[in-house]
PDB file of N, CA and C in Angstrom:
ATOM      1  N   MET A   1       0.834  -1.198   0.000  1.00  0.00           N
ATOM      2  CA  MET A   1       0.000   0.000   0.000  1.00  0.00           C
ATOM      3  C   MET A   1       0.870   1.250   0.000  1.00  0.00           C
ATOM      4  N   ARG A   2       0.308   2.300  -0.549  1.00  0.00           N
ATOM      5  CA  ARG A   2       1.032   3.564  -0.566  1.00  0.00           C
ATOM      6  C   ARG A   2       0.980   4.211   0.810  1.00  0.00           C
ATOM      7  N   ARG A   3       1.967   5.031   1.078  1.00  0.00           N
ATOM      8  CA  ARG A   3       2.072   5.669   2.389  1.00  0.00           C
ATOM      9  C   ARG A   3       0.913   6.606   2.676  1.00  0.00           C
ATOM     10  N   ASP A   4       0.478   7.356   1.674  1.00  0.00           N
ATOM     11  CA  ASP A   4      -0.615   8.292   1.916  1.00  0.00           C
ATOM     12  C   ASP A   4      -1.912   7.556   2.232  1.00  0.00           C
ATOM     13  N   VAL A   5      -2.124   6.397   1.608  1.00  0.00           N
ATOM     14  CA  VAL A   5      -3.312   5.592   1.896  1.00  0.00           C
ATOM     15  C   VAL A   5      -3.224   5.038   3.315  1.00  0.00           C
ATOM     16  N   LEU A   6      -2.044   4.535   3.674  1.00  0.00           N
ATOM     17  CA  LEU A   6      -1.848   4.019   5.029  1.00  0.00           C
ATOM     18  C   LEU A   6      -2.050   5.114   6.074  1.00  0.00           C
ATOM     19  N   LEU A   7      -1.511   6.276   5.795  1.00  0.00           N
ATOM     20  CA  LEU A   7      -1.633   7.381   6.741  1.00  0.00           C
ATOM     21  C   LEU A   7      -3.084   7.818   6.902  1.00  0.00           C
ATOM     22  N   SER A   8      -3.808   7.935   5.809  1.00  0.00           N
ATOM     23  CA  SER A   8      -5.214   8.339   5.911  1.00  0.00           C
ATOM     24  C   SER A   8      -6.046   7.262   6.609  1.00  0.00           C
ATOM     25  N   TYR A   9      -5.729   5.987   6.368  1.00  0.00           N
ATOM     26  CA  TYR A   9      -6.434   4.899   7.054  1.00  0.00           C
ATOM     27  C   TYR A   9      -6.160   4.944   8.558  1.00  0.00           C
ATOM     28  N   ALA A  10      -4.889   5.121   8.921  1.00  0.00           N
ATOM     29  CA  ALA A  10      -4.524   5.171  10.338  1.00  0.00           C
ATOM     30  C   ALA A  10      -5.168   6.367  11.032  1.00  0.00           C
ATOM     31  N   ALA A  11      -5.260   7.492  10.346  1.00  0.00           N
ATOM     32  CA  ALA A  11      -5.884   8.679  10.932  1.00  0.00           C
ATOM     33  C   ALA A  11      -7.389   8.493  11.073  1.00  0.00           C
ATOM     34  N   SER A  12      -8.026   7.894  10.074  1.00  0.00           N
ATOM     35  CA  SER A  12      -9.486   7.730  10.119  1.00  0.00           C
ATOM     36  C   SER A  12      -9.922   6.683  11.140  1.00  0.00           C
ATOM     37  N   THR A  13      -9.088   5.684  11.399  1.00  0.00           N
ATOM     38  CA  THR A  13      -9.448   4.649  12.371  1.00  0.00           C
ATOM     39  C   THR A  13      -9.007   4.986  13.785  1.00  0.00           C
ATOM     40  N   GLY A  14      -8.283   6.078  13.950  1.00  0.00           N
ATOM     41  CA  GLY A  14      -7.875   6.487  15.291  1.00  0.00           C
ATOM     42  C   GLY A  14      -6.566   5.889  15.751  1.00  0.00           C
ATOM     43  N   ILE A  15      -5.862   5.204  14.876  1.00  0.00           N
ATOM     44  CA  ILE A  15      -4.557   4.649  15.236  1.00  0.00           C
ATOM     45  C   ILE A  15      -3.571   5.783  15.486  1.00  0.00           C
ATOM     46  N   ILE A  16      -3.654   6.800  14.648  1.00  0.00           N
ATOM     47  CA  ILE A  16      -2.795   7.979  14.778  1.00  0.00           C
ATOM     48  C   ILE A  16      -3.677   9.166  15.121  1.00  0.00           C
ATOM     49  N   ASP A  17      -3.280   9.896  16.143  1.00  0.00           N
ATOM     50  CA  ASP A  17      -4.007  11.104  16.531  1.00  0.00           C
ATOM     51  C   ASP A  17      -3.361  12.294  15.830  1.00  0.00           C
ATOM     52  N   MET A  18      -4.030  12.815  14.813  1.00  0.00           N
ATOM     53  CA  MET A  18      -3.470  13.906  14.011  1.00  0.00           C
ATOM     54  C   MET A  18      -3.285  15.181  14.833  1.00  0.00           C
ATOM     55  N   ASP A  19      -4.150  15.417  15.807  1.00  0.00           N
ATOM     56  CA  ASP A  19      -4.002  16.604  16.649  1.00  0.00           C
ATOM     57  C   ASP A  19      -2.716  16.530  17.469  1.00  0.00           C
ATOM     58  N   ALA A  20      -2.412  15.343  17.990  1.00  0.00           N
ATOM     59  CA  ALA A  20      -1.182  15.168  18.762  1.00  0.00           C
ATOM     60  C   ALA A  20       0.041  15.350  17.877  1.00  0.00           C
ATOM     61  N   ILE A  21      -0.033  14.861  16.653  1.00  0.00           N
ATOM     62  CA  ILE A  21       1.086  15.023  15.720  1.00  0.00           C
ATOM     63  C   ILE A  21       1.271  16.492  15.380  1.00  0.00           C
ATOM     64  N   GLU A  22       0.167  17.197  15.154  1.00  0.00           N
ATOM     65  CA  GLU A  22       0.242  18.623  14.838  1.00  0.00           C
ATOM     66  C   GLU A  22       0.869  19.409  15.988  1.00  0.00           C
ATOM     67  N   LEU A  23       0.474  19.088  17.229  1.00  0.00           N
ATOM     68  CA  LEU A  23       1.060  19.755  18.394  1.00  0.00           C
ATOM     69  C   LEU A  23       2.553  19.445  18.520  1.00  0.00           C
ATOM     70  N   ALA A  24       2.929  18.205  18.261  1.00  0.00           N
ATOM     71  CA  ALA A  24       4.339  17.817  18.350  1.00  0.00           C
ATOM     72  C   ALA A  24       5.176  18.537  17.301  1.00  0.00           C
ATOM     73  N   VAL A  25       4.648  18.677  16.091  1.00  0.00           N
ATOM     74  CA  VAL A  25       5.373  19.380  15.027  1.00  0.00           C
ATOM     75  C   VAL A  25       5.527  20.852  15.384  1.00  0.00           C
ATOM     76  N   GLU A  26       4.462  21.462  15.897  1.00  0.00           N
ATOM     77  CA  GLU A  26       4.545  22.869  16.289  1.00  0.00           C
ATOM     78  C   GLU A  26       5.546  23.065  17.423  1.00  0.00           C
ATOM     79  N   GLU A  27       5.559  22.139  18.373  1.00  0.00           N
ATOM     80  CA  GLU A  27       6.509  22.221  19.475  1.00  0.00           C
ATOM     81  C   GLU A  27       7.947  22.090  18.971  1.00  0.00           C
ATOM     82  N   MET A  28       8.176  21.203  18.004  1.00  0.00           N
ATOM     83  CA  MET A  28       9.514  21.055  17.432  1.00  0.00           C
ATOM     84  C   MET A  28       9.947  22.329  16.715  1.00  0.00           C
ATOM     85  N   LYS A  29       9.031  22.952  15.974  1.00  0.00           N
ATOM     86  CA  LYS A  29       9.353  24.204  15.290  1.00  0.00           C
ATOM     87  C   LYS A  29       9.675  25.301  16.292  1.00  0.00           C
ATOM     88  N   ASN A  30       8.892  25.385  17.371  1.00  0.00           N
ATOM     89  CA  ASN A  30       9.152  26.385  18.408  1.00  0.00           C
ATOM     90  C   ASN A  30      10.523  26.173  19.031  1.00  0.00           C
ATOM     91  N   ASN A  31      10.875  24.912  19.319  1.00  0.00           N
ATOM     92  CA  ASN A  31      12.187  24.619  19.895  1.00  0.00           C
ATOM     93  C   ASN A  31      13.314  25.031  18.956  1.00  0.00           C
ATOM     94  N   GLU A  32      13.138  24.796  17.653  1.00  0.00           N
ATOM     95  CA  GLU A  32      14.160  25.193  16.677  1.00  0.00           C
ATOM     96  C   GLU A  32      14.345  26.706  16.662  1.00  0.00           C
ATOM     97  N   ILE A  33      13.242  27.447  16.700  1.00  0.00           N
ATOM     98  CA  ILE A  33      13.317  28.912  16.693  1.00  0.00           C
ATOM     99  C   ILE A  33      14.036  29.412  17.931  1.00  0.00           C
ATOM    100  N   VAL A  34      13.688  28.864  19.092  1.00  0.00           N
ATOM    101  CA  VAL A  34      14.309  29.301  20.344  1.00  0.00           C
ATOM    102  C   VAL A  34      15.790  28.945  20.358  1.00  0.00           C
ATOM    103  N   GLU A  35      16.148  27.754  19.896  1.00  0.00           N
ATOM    104  CA  GLU A  35      17.561  27.368  19.842  1.00  0.00           C
ATOM    105  C   GLU A  35      18.356  28.287  18.922  1.00  0.00           C
ATOM    106  N   LYS A  36      17.735  28.730  17.847  1.00  0.00           N
ATOM    107  CA  LYS A  36      18.438  29.557  16.869  1.00  0.00           C
ATOM    108  C   LYS A  36      18.629  30.992  17.353  1.00  0.00           C
ATOM    109  N   TYR A  37      17.615  31.581  17.986  1.00  0.00           N
ATOM    110  CA  TYR A  37      17.643  33.008  18.280  1.00  0.00           C
ATOM    111  C   TYR A  37      17.828  33.374  19.753  1.00  0.00           C
ATOM    112  N   HIS A  38      17.511  32.487  20.672  1.00  0.00           N
ATOM    113  CA  HIS A  38      17.541  32.841  22.092  1.00  0.00           C
ATOM    114  C   HIS A  38      18.910  32.531  22.682  1.00  0.00           C
ATOM    115  N   SER A  39      19.571  33.552  23.223  1.00  0.00           N
ATOM    116  CA  SER A  39      20.933  33.367  23.719  1.00  0.00           C
ATOM    117  C   SER A  39      21.029  33.379  25.244  1.00  0.00           C
ATOM    118  N   TYR A  40      19.915  33.534  25.929  1.00  0.00           N
ATOM    119  CA  TYR A  40      19.930  33.572  27.391  1.00  0.00           C
ATOM    120  C   TYR A  40      19.555  32.206  27.967  1.00  0.00           C
ATOM    121  N   ALA A  41      19.961  31.986  29.213  1.00  0.00           N
ATOM    122  CA  ALA A  41      19.663  30.719  29.882  1.00  0.00           C
ATOM    123  C   ALA A  41      18.179  30.636  30.241  1.00  0.00           C
ATOM    124  N   ILE A  42      17.681  29.425  30.306  1.00  0.00           N
ATOM    125  CA  ILE A  42      16.319  29.151  30.763  1.00  0.00           C
ATOM    126  C   ILE A  42      16.453  28.297  32.017  1.00  0.00           C
ATOM    127  N   TRP A  43      15.783  28.706  33.108  1.00  0.00           N
ATOM    128  CA  TRP A  43      15.915  27.994  34.363  1.00  0.00           C
ATOM    129  C   TRP A  43      14.583  27.972  35.106  1.00  0.00           C
ATOM    130  N   LYS A  44      14.527  27.113  36.116  1.00  0.00           N
ATOM    131  CA  LYS A  44      13.351  27.015  36.976  1.00  0.00           C
ATOM    132  C   LYS A  44      13.716  27.660  38.304  1.00  0.00           C
ATOM    133  N   ASN A  45      12.930  28.666  38.720  1.00  0.00           N
ATOM    134  CA  ASN A  45      13.261  29.378  39.953  1.00  0.00           C
ATOM    135  C   ASN A  45      12.721  28.651  41.182  1.00  0.00           C
ATOM    136  N   GLU A  46      12.961  29.228  42.358  1.00  0.00           N
ATOM    137  CA  GLU A  46      12.579  28.585  43.616  1.00  0.00           C
ATOM    138  C   GLU A  46      11.061  28.492  43.800  1.00  0.00           C
ATOM    139  N   LYS A  47      10.301  29.288  43.069  1.00  0.00           N
ATOM    140  CA  LYS A  47       8.835  29.234  43.149  1.00  0.00           C
ATOM    141  C   LYS A  47       8.240  28.251  42.140  1.00  0.00           C
ATOM    142  N   GLY A  48       9.089  27.614  41.363  1.00  0.00           N
ATOM    143  CA  GLY A  48       8.623  26.627  40.398  1.00  0.00           C
ATOM    144  C   GLY A  48       8.271  27.197  39.039  1.00  0.00           C
ATOM    145  N   LEU A  49       8.602  28.463  38.803  1.00  0.00           N
ATOM    146  CA  LEU A  49       8.321  29.093  37.513  1.00  0.00           C
ATOM    147  C   LEU A  49       9.539  28.962  36.597  1.00  0.00           C
ATOM    148  N   TRP A  50       9.273  28.825  35.300  1.00  0.00           N
ATOM    149  CA  TRP A  50      10.342  28.788  34.309  1.00  0.00           C
ATOM    150  C   TRP A  50      10.657  30.218  33.899  1.00  0.00           C
ATOM    151  N   CYS A  51      11.936  30.574  33.910  1.00  0.00           N
ATOM    152  CA  CYS A  51      12.352  31.963  33.700  1.00  0.00           C
ATOM    153  C   CYS A  51      13.426  32.054  32.624  1.00  0.00           C
ATOM    154  N   THR A  52      13.498  33.228  32.034  1.00  0.00           N
ATOM    155  CA  THR A  52      14.578  33.565  31.115  1.00  0.00           C
ATOM    156  C   THR A  52      14.618  35.073  30.952  1.00  0.00           C
ATOM    157  N   HIS A  53      15.705  35.550  30.415  1.00  0.00           N
ATOM    158  CA  HIS A  53      15.815  36.966  30.066  1.00  0.00           C
ATOM    159  C   HIS A  53      15.505  37.115  28.582  1.00  0.00           C
ATOM    160  N   ILE A  54      14.970  38.273  28.236  1.00  0.00           N
ATOM    161  CA  ILE A  54      14.647  38.549  26.839  1.00  0.00           C
ATOM    162  C   ILE A  54      14.866  40.031  26.581  1.00  0.00           C
ATOM    163  N   ARG A  55      15.381  40.345  25.409  1.00  0.00           N
ATOM    164  CA  ARG A  55      15.620  41.734  25.029  1.00  0.00           C
ATOM    165  C   ARG A  55      14.382  42.251  24.307  1.00  0.00           C
ATOM    166  N   ASP A  56      13.829  43.375  24.806  1.00  0.00           N
ATOM    167  CA  ASP A  56      12.633  43.938  24.174  1.00  0.00           C
ATOM    168  C   ASP A  56      13.020  44.822  22.998  1.00  0.00           C
ATOM    169  N   GLU A  57      12.023  45.446  22.379  1.00  0.00           N
ATOM    170  CA  GLU A  57      12.261  46.231  21.161  1.00  0.00           C
ATOM    171  C   GLU A  57      13.119  47.466  21.413  1.00  0.00           C
ATOM    172  N   GLU A  58      13.123  47.974  22.645  1.00  0.00           N
ATOM    173  CA  GLU A  58      13.955  49.133  22.972  1.00  0.00           C
ATOM    174  C   GLU A  58      15.382  48.738  23.327  1.00  0.00           C
ATOM    175  N   GLY A  59      15.650  47.443  23.430  1.00  0.00           N
ATOM    176  CA  GLY A  59      16.988  46.976  23.745  1.00  0.00           C
ATOM    177  C   GLY A  59      17.197  46.672  25.215  1.00  0.00           C
ATOM    178  N   ASN A  60      16.165  46.839  26.036  1.00  0.00           N
ATOM    179  CA  ASN A  60      16.271  46.549  27.463  1.00  0.00           C
ATOM    180  C   ASN A  60      16.088  45.054  27.707  1.00  0.00           C
ATOM    181  N   VAL A  61      16.841  44.533  28.669  1.00  0.00           N
ATOM    182  CA  VAL A  61      16.720  43.122  29.010  1.00  0.00           C
ATOM    183  C   VAL A  61      15.686  42.987  30.126  1.00  0.00           C
ATOM    184  N   LYS A  62      14.684  42.141  29.884  1.00  0.00           N
ATOM    185  CA  LYS A  62      13.612  41.914  30.853  1.00  0.00           C
ATOM    186  C   LYS A  62      13.566  40.429  31.179  1.00  0.00           C
ATOM    187  N   ILE A  63      13.067  40.116  32.362  1.00  0.00           N
ATOM    188  CA  ILE A  63      12.893  38.718  32.735  1.00  0.00           C
ATOM    189  C   ILE A  63      11.453  38.308  32.430  1.00  0.00           C
ATOM    190  N   ARG A  64      11.294  37.113  31.902  1.00  0.00           N
ATOM    191  CA  ARG A  64       9.976  36.572  31.598  1.00  0.00           C
ATOM    192  C   ARG A  64       9.813  35.256  32.341  1.00  0.00           C
ATOM    193  N   ARG A  65       8.619  35.066  32.939  1.00  0.00           N
ATOM    194  CA  ARG A  65       8.331  33.863  33.713  1.00  0.00           C
ATOM    195  C   ARG A  65       7.043  33.222  33.200  1.00  0.00           C
ATOM    196  N   ARG A  66       7.037  31.902  33.158  1.00  0.00           N
ATOM    197  CA  ARG A  66       5.842  31.147  32.797  1.00  0.00           C
ATOM    198  C   ARG A  66       5.752  29.920  33.699  1.00  0.00           C
ATOM    199  N   LYS A  67       4.547  29.366  33.823  1.00  0.00           N
ATOM    200  CA  LYS A  67       4.332  28.232  34.723  1.00  0.00           C
ATOM    201  C   LYS A  67       5.007  26.957  34.231  1.00  0.00           C
ATOM    202  N   THR A  68       5.013  26.743  32.918  1.00  0.00           N
ATOM    203  CA  THR A  68       5.636  25.530  32.383  1.00  0.00           C
ATOM    204  C   THR A  68       6.700  25.908  31.357  1.00  0.00           C
ATOM    205  N   GLN A  69       7.595  24.979  31.138  1.00  0.00           N
ATOM    206  CA  GLN A  69       8.643  25.215  30.148  1.00  0.00           C
ATOM    207  C   GLN A  69       8.037  25.317  28.752  1.00  0.00           C
ATOM    208  N   ARG A  70       7.011  24.529  28.485  1.00  0.00           N
ATOM    209  CA  ARG A  70       6.342  24.567  27.184  1.00  0.00           C
ATOM    210  C   ARG A  70       5.737  25.946  26.926  1.00  0.00           C
ATOM    211  N   GLU A  71       5.104  26.549  27.949  1.00  0.00           N
ATOM    212  CA  GLU A  71       4.530  27.889  27.800  1.00  0.00           C
ATOM    213  C   GLU A  71       5.618  28.924  27.526  1.00  0.00           C
ATOM    214  N   LEU A  72       6.752  28.794  28.217  1.00  0.00           N
ATOM    215  CA  LEU A  72       7.853  29.735  28.025  1.00  0.00           C
ATOM    216  C   LEU A  72       8.435  29.606  26.617  1.00  0.00           C
ATOM    217  N   ILE A  73       8.638  28.386  26.160  1.00  0.00           N
ATOM    218  CA  ILE A  73       9.164  28.162  24.811  1.00  0.00           C
ATOM    219  C   ILE A  73       8.196  28.715  23.772  1.00  0.00           C
ATOM    220  N   SER A  74       6.909  28.508  23.974  1.00  0.00           N
ATOM    221  CA  SER A  74       5.901  29.024  23.048  1.00  0.00           C
ATOM    222  C   SER A  74       5.931  30.548  23.016  1.00  0.00           C
ATOM    223  N   TYR A  75       6.047  31.181  24.189  1.00  0.00           N
ATOM    224  CA  TYR A  75       6.134  32.643  24.258  1.00  0.00           C
ATOM    225  C   TYR A  75       7.373  33.147  23.518  1.00  0.00           C
ATOM    226  N   LEU A  76       8.511  32.509  23.762  1.00  0.00           N
ATOM    227  CA  LEU A  76       9.756  32.931  23.115  1.00  0.00           C
ATOM    228  C   LEU A  76       9.675  32.764  21.600  1.00  0.00           C
ATOM    229  N   ALA A  77       9.090  31.669  21.144  1.00  0.00           N
ATOM    230  CA  ALA A  77       8.964  31.439  19.699  1.00  0.00           C
ATOM    231  C   ALA A  77       8.105  32.524  19.059  1.00  0.00           C
ATOM    232  N   LYS A  78       6.988  32.879  19.684  1.00  0.00           N
ATOM    233  CA  LYS A  78       6.138  33.950  19.150  1.00  0.00           C
ATOM    234  C   LYS A  78       6.899  35.269  19.118  1.00  0.00           C
ATOM    235  N   HIS A  79       7.655  35.542  20.177  1.00  0.00           N
ATOM    236  CA  HIS A  79       8.436  36.781  20.247  1.00  0.00           C
ATOM    237  C   HIS A  79       9.456  36.844  19.115  1.00  0.00           C
ATOM    238  N   TYR A  80      10.215  35.768  18.924  1.00  0.00           N
ATOM    239  CA  TYR A  80      11.260  35.788  17.907  1.00  0.00           C
ATOM    240  C   TYR A  80      10.695  35.756  16.493  1.00  0.00           C
ATOM    241  N   LYS A  81       9.545  35.129  16.291  1.00  0.00           N
ATOM    242  CA  LYS A  81       8.897  35.190  14.977  1.00  0.00           C
ATOM    243  C   LYS A  81       8.554  36.634  14.639  1.00  0.00           C
ATOM    244  N   HIS A  82       8.071  37.374  15.633  1.00  0.00           N
ATOM    245  CA  HIS A  82       7.725  38.783  15.430  1.00  0.00           C
ATOM    246  C   HIS A  82       8.977  39.617  15.170  1.00  0.00           C
ATOM    247  N   VAL A  83      10.013  39.413  15.969  1.00  0.00           N
ATOM    248  CA  VAL A  83      11.244  40.207  15.851  1.00  0.00           C
ATOM    249  C   VAL A  83      11.932  39.954  14.515  1.00  0.00           C
ATOM    250  N   VAL A  84      11.960  38.711  14.066  1.00  0.00           N
ATOM    251  CA  VAL A  84      12.637  38.374  12.815  1.00  0.00           C
ATOM    252  C   VAL A  84      11.927  39.007  11.627  1.00  0.00           C
ATOM    253  N   ASN A  85      10.612  39.149  11.703  1.00  0.00           N
ATOM    254  CA  ASN A  85       9.849  39.705  10.589  1.00  0.00           C
ATOM    255  C   ASN A  85       9.925  41.222  10.494  1.00  0.00           C
ATOM    256  N   ILE A  86      10.453  41.893  11.507  1.00  0.00           N
ATOM    257  CA  ILE A  86      10.593  43.342  11.456  1.00  0.00           C
ATOM    258  C   ILE A  86      11.751  43.677  10.518  1.00  0.00           C
ATOM    259  N   VAL A  87      11.469  44.462   9.506  1.00  0.00           N
ATOM    260  CA  VAL A  87      12.502  44.852   8.546  1.00  0.00           C
ATOM    261  C   VAL A  87      13.119  46.158   9.027  1.00  0.00           C
ATOM    262  N   ARG A  88      14.400  46.151   9.193  1.00  0.00           N
ATOM    263  CA  ARG A  88      15.122  47.344   9.622  1.00  0.00           C
ATOM    264  C   ARG A  88      16.153  47.688   8.559  1.00  0.00           C
ATOM    265  N   ILE A  89      16.526  48.951   8.539  1.00  0.00           N
ATOM    266  CA  ILE A  89      17.506  49.398   7.547  1.00  0.00           C
ATOM    267  C   ILE A  89      18.823  48.658   7.724  1.00  0.00           C
ATOM    268  N   ASN A  90      19.168  48.323   8.964  1.00  0.00           N
ATOM    269  CA  ASN A  90      20.414  47.594   9.201  1.00  0.00           C
ATOM    270  C   ASN A  90      20.401  46.235   8.511  1.00  0.00           C
ATOM    271  N   ASN A  91      19.226  45.628   8.415  1.00  0.00           N
ATOM    272  CA  ASN A  91      19.126  44.297   7.822  1.00  0.00           C
ATOM    273  C   ASN A  91      19.211  44.310   6.303  1.00  0.00           C
ATOM    274  N   VAL A  92      18.774  45.388   5.670  1.00  0.00           N
ATOM    275  CA  VAL A  92      18.675  45.376   4.215  1.00  0.00           C
ATOM    276  C   VAL A  92      19.691  46.268   3.501  1.00  0.00           C
ATOM    277  N   PHE A  93      20.359  47.151   4.213  1.00  0.00           N
ATOM    278  CA  PHE A  93      21.254  48.096   3.544  1.00  0.00           C
ATOM    279  C   PHE A  93      22.353  47.389   2.763  1.00  0.00           C
ATOM    280  N   GLU A  94      23.034  46.465   3.415  1.00  0.00           N
ATOM    281  CA  GLU A  94      24.171  45.807   2.759  1.00  0.00           C
ATOM    282  C   GLU A  94      23.725  45.048   1.507  1.00  0.00           C
ATOM    283  N   GLN A  95      22.626  44.340   1.590  1.00  0.00           N
ATOM    284  CA  GLN A  95      22.108  43.615   0.429  1.00  0.00           C
ATOM    285  C   GLN A  95      21.730  44.589  -0.684  1.00  0.00           C
ATOM    286  N   TRP A  96      21.062  45.671  -0.328  1.00  0.00           N
ATOM    287  CA  TRP A  96      20.619  46.652  -1.314  1.00  0.00           C
ATOM    288  C   TRP A  96      21.805  47.298  -2.030  1.00  0.00           C
ATOM    289  N   ILE A  97      22.807  47.737  -1.276  1.00  0.00           N
ATOM    290  CA  ILE A  97      23.938  48.457  -1.869  1.00  0.00           C
ATOM    291  C   ILE A  97      24.772  47.519  -2.740  1.00  0.00           C
ATOM    292  N   ASN A  98      24.922  46.271  -2.317  1.00  0.00           N
ATOM    293  CA  ASN A  98      25.685  45.313  -3.121  1.00  0.00           C
ATOM    294  C   ASN A  98      24.973  44.981  -4.427  1.00  0.00           C
ATOM    295  N   GLU A  99      23.647  44.896  -4.395  1.00  0.00           N
ATOM    296  CA  GLU A  99      22.904  44.658  -5.633  1.00  0.00           C
ATOM    297  C   GLU A  99      23.005  45.853  -6.574  1.00  0.00           C
ATOM    298  N   LYS A 100      22.982  47.064  -6.026  1.00  0.00           N
ATOM    299  CA  LYS A 100      23.113  48.267  -6.855  1.00  0.00           C
ATOM    300  C   LYS A 100      24.439  48.262  -7.611  1.00  0.00           C
ATOM    301  N   ILE A 101      25.515  47.933  -6.921  1.00  0.00           N
ATOM    302  CA  ILE A 101      26.837  47.939  -7.562  1.00  0.00           C
ATOM    303  C   ILE A 101      26.963  46.747  -8.519  1.00  0.00           C
ATOM    304  N   GLN A 102      26.398  45.606  -8.151  1.00  0.00           N
ATOM    305  CA  GLN A 102      26.482  44.407  -8.983  1.00  0.00           C
ATOM    306  C   GLN A 102      25.761  44.598 -10.317  1.00  0.00           C
ATOM    307  N   TYR A 103      24.610  45.236 -10.303  1.00  0.00           N
ATOM    308  CA  TYR A 103      23.834  45.427 -11.526  1.00  0.00           C
ATOM    309  C   TYR A 103      24.238  46.679 -12.298  1.00  0.00           C
ATOM    310  N   GLY A 104      25.229  47.395 -11.805  1.00  0.00           N
ATOM    311  CA  GLY A 104      25.736  48.558 -12.512  1.00  0.00           C
ATOM    312  C   GLY A 104      24.844  49.783 -12.416  1.00  0.00           C
ATOM    313  N   GLU A 105      23.971  49.819 -11.431  1.00  0.00           N
ATOM    314  CA  GLU A 105      23.078  50.960 -11.270  1.00  0.00           C
ATOM    315  C   GLU A 105      23.799  52.166 -10.668  1.00  0.00           C
ATOM    316  N   ILE A 106      24.872  51.902  -9.919  1.00  0.00           N
ATOM    317  CA  ILE A 106      25.683  52.983  -9.350  1.00  0.00           C
ATOM    318  C   ILE A 106      27.150  52.656  -9.590  1.00  0.00           C
ATOM    319  N   ARG A 107      27.966  53.671  -9.466  1.00  0.00           N
ATOM    320  CA  ARG A 107      29.412  53.478  -9.607  1.00  0.00           C
ATOM    321  C   ARG A 107      30.052  53.426  -8.230  1.00  0.00           C
ATOM    322  N   ARG A 108      31.343  53.135  -8.230  1.00  0.00           N
ATOM    323  CA  ARG A 108      32.076  52.948  -6.979  1.00  0.00           C
ATOM    324  C   ARG A 108      32.029  54.207  -6.106  1.00  0.00           C
ATOM    325  N   GLN A 109      32.100  55.368  -6.716  1.00  0.00           N
ATOM    326  CA  GLN A 109      32.075  56.617  -5.958  1.00  0.00           C
ATOM    327  C   GLN A 109      30.743  56.768  -5.201  1.00  0.00           C
ATOM    328  N   SER A 110      29.639  56.476  -5.872  1.00  0.00           N
ATOM    329  CA  SER A 110      28.330  56.538  -5.214  1.00  0.00           C
ATOM    330  C   SER A 110      28.231  55.487  -4.118  1.00  0.00           C
ATOM    331  N   TYR A 111      28.760  54.304  -4.391  1.00  0.00           N
ATOM    332  CA  TYR A 111      28.773  53.234  -3.393  1.00  0.00           C
ATOM    333  C   TYR A 111      29.484  53.698  -2.124  1.00  0.00           C
ATOM    334  N   ASP A 112      30.676  54.265  -2.298  1.00  0.00           N
ATOM    335  CA  ASP A 112      31.443  54.741  -1.147  1.00  0.00           C
ATOM    336  C   ASP A 112      30.690  55.827  -0.384  1.00  0.00           C
ATOM    337  N   ARG A 113      30.052  56.733  -1.109  1.00  0.00           N
ATOM    338  CA  ARG A 113      29.308  57.812  -0.462  1.00  0.00           C
ATOM    339  C   ARG A 113      28.117  57.252   0.326  1.00  0.00           C
ATOM    340  N   TYR A 114      27.380  56.311  -0.266  1.00  0.00           N
ATOM    341  CA  TYR A 114      26.236  55.705   0.424  1.00  0.00           C
ATOM    342  C   TYR A 114      26.679  54.955   1.681  1.00  0.00           C
ATOM    343  N   VAL A 115      27.779  54.230   1.578  1.00  0.00           N
ATOM    344  CA  VAL A 115      28.285  53.491   2.735  1.00  0.00           C
ATOM    345  C   VAL A 115      28.705  54.457   3.833  1.00  0.00           C
ATOM    346  N   ASN A 116      29.383  55.532   3.468  1.00  0.00           N
ATOM    347  CA  ASN A 116      29.779  56.524   4.469  1.00  0.00           C
ATOM    348  C   ASN A 116      28.568  57.182   5.122  1.00  0.00           C
ATOM    349  N   ASP A 117      27.563  57.523   4.319  1.00  0.00           N
ATOM    350  CA  ASP A 117      26.347  58.113   4.881  1.00  0.00           C
ATOM    351  C   ASP A 117      25.637  57.127   5.802  1.00  0.00           C
ATOM    352  N   TYR A 118      25.605  55.874   5.418  1.00  0.00           N
ATOM    353  CA  TYR A 118      24.984  54.851   6.266  1.00  0.00           C
ATOM    354  C   TYR A 118      25.700  54.770   7.610  1.00  0.00           C
ATOM    355  N   LYS A 119      27.020  54.694   7.565  1.00  0.00           N
ATOM    356  CA  LYS A 119      27.788  54.616   8.809  1.00  0.00           C
ATOM    357  C   LYS A 119      27.582  55.866   9.658  1.00  0.00           C
ATOM    358  N   ARG A 120      27.504  57.000   9.005  1.00  0.00           N
ATOM    359  CA  ARG A 120      27.389  58.276   9.712  1.00  0.00           C
ATOM    360  C   ARG A 120      26.020  58.462  10.360  1.00  0.00           C
ATOM    361  N   PHE A 121      24.940  58.087   9.663  1.00  0.00           N
ATOM    362  CA  PHE A 121      23.603  58.415  10.141  1.00  0.00           C
ATOM    363  C   PHE A 121      22.792  57.234  10.680  1.00  0.00           C
ATOM    364  N   PHE A 122      23.055  56.027  10.202  1.00  0.00           N
ATOM    365  CA  PHE A 122      22.154  54.925  10.524  1.00  0.00           C
ATOM    366  C   PHE A 122      22.762  53.783  11.320  1.00  0.00           C
ATOM    367  N   GLN A 123      24.049  53.602  11.282  1.00  0.00           N
ATOM    368  CA  GLN A 123      24.640  52.408  11.856  1.00  0.00           C
ATOM    369  C   GLN A 123      24.384  52.295  13.359  1.00  0.00           C
ATOM    370  N   ARG A 124      24.248  53.384  14.055  1.00  0.00           N
ATOM    371  CA  ARG A 124      24.031  53.345  15.500  1.00  0.00           C
ATOM    372  C   ARG A 124      22.600  52.969  15.877  1.00  0.00           C
ATOM    373  N   ILE A 125      21.704  52.953  14.918  1.00  0.00           N
ATOM    374  CA  ILE A 125      20.293  52.677  15.215  1.00  0.00           C
ATOM    375  C   ILE A 125      20.093  51.208  15.493  1.00  0.00           C
TER     376      ILE A 125
END
């Protein structure tokens, strides 16, 4: 039998719980996101809460607490999904300027001027 037929049969007869599989896949994705972007330790405090530090949009480090590790991981994954999707000039300037020079839209002198202006006005943001 083909795998898709077997899978649909197992799901329809209740051998495989598709909701549990969906939750497990989402949990694995959340863990991957947190492993990739989260650089602070995660620990359980004396009150039994799971804690970690997180940098907010202003750059301040805040502590976040949740009752379970799963809740904390889910919160962190949502946070980093949001942060990664924010487009900032720092993220796109280098790609933009390199494409301009590569396609011949600007010359080296303009490239140097744009890079200097970027460093002067935007790099600290």
